[in-house]
Amino acid sequence: MPVQSKANWARLKVGLLTIAALAIVAVLIFLITGDRSFFEGESEVYTYLDDSAALADGAAVTLNGITIGKVKRIVLSGLSDPQKQVRIDMEIRDRFLSRIPIDSVTALSAANLLGTKFINITRGTSRRTIKPRDTLPSLNTAEFEDVVKQGYSVLASLQETVTKVNNIVALVEAGHGSIGKLLVDEELYDRINDIAKQVQIITNALNSNQGTLGQLLYSPDMYNDVRGSLARIDNLLAEVQQGKGSAGKFLKDPALYDNLNSTVTDLRRILTQVESGKGSAGKLLYSDQLHDQVSATLTKLNTTLDKVNSGQGTIGQLLVNPELYESLNGSTRELEGLMKDFRANPKKFLRIKLALF
């Protein structure tokens, strides 16, 4: 064989070997990264939407969340039905067709608010399954758009909240506010440390049986006193329940209850009579005549007091006339002196009396 022919044959074998190696590598990559069999067939299934909502060719098609195919193409349907303006051609693996009931429903979904959109098929309950080139009903994409809009609102609120949190953190880092001062103010830290030390001292004192609280916690004498007091209280309550003593009789003695009930009844009867204007108290409250008499008496008393204050009459002169006061005061002194002389020398007065007779 000529040398040139041998060289060409060698190049051909190298090329064929290279092509075979590349094919084997491609098959291995497909088998490793793919999620279906290499020789598995696919069938077209259609659905209609009112809006594609930025759905892209090649997007995943899932059955209750499990990937079963992909979107082949998205085209305008040309139909007059507003709910069927866009036709979605889906490529679904043949082995899944028998698992999709004819009453299944498609809907536009997304992995998250900002994720890639895909078509999700929700399985129905019919026993009939779809065939190649069948059409599945769909849900309105307006609901999906509303969810996305609400998600944007939530994201905006979240962004605003994050901004506020960042501002608060900046203020705290700058030492503003109570939390900021707590973090950066050494004086406040020292005060808190001192308080903690004082609390520790108090705790140690309690643990060492010192002070009233320490004695209350550890001293058996105080415990026994408290227990004795509780025992006496229990005995007292037992006696009360047995009807002993005033409190016990008040609780247990029906005669005392009857007396109290009778007293309350009498009191109610008296109040009823008073409200009806009977008796002195009732007339005092409701009788206009008695009121007029009391008013007239008070008027006379005021008139008399006015006369006394103006110096009229004996009492008035006594209050405002100094001469009458001095005369009365002098007579009182003379009478007092006479009484002293009488007690000192009563015979003197007796002789005068005998001389007269």
Foldseek 3Di string as FASTA:
>chain_A
DDPVVVVVVVVVVVVVVVVVVVVVVVVVVCVVPPDDDPPFAWFKEKEFALDPVPADFQAFEEEVNHTFWTWHDKDQPPDPPSGGGIMTIIIGTPVCQQVAAQQWEKEWDAPDLPGHIHIYIYHDDDNHTDDGHYYYYYDYCVVVVVVSVVVVVVVVVVVVVVVVVVVVVVCLCVQDDPNNCCVPPVVVVVVVVVVVVVVVVVVVCLVVLDDPNVCVVPPVVVVVVVVVVVVVVVVVVVCLCVLPDPNNCVVPPVVVVVVVVVVVVVVVVVVVCLCVQDDPNNCVVPPVVVVVVVVVVVVVVVVVVVCLCVQPDPNNCCVPPVVVVVVVVVVVVVVVVVVVVCVVCVVVVVVVVVVVD
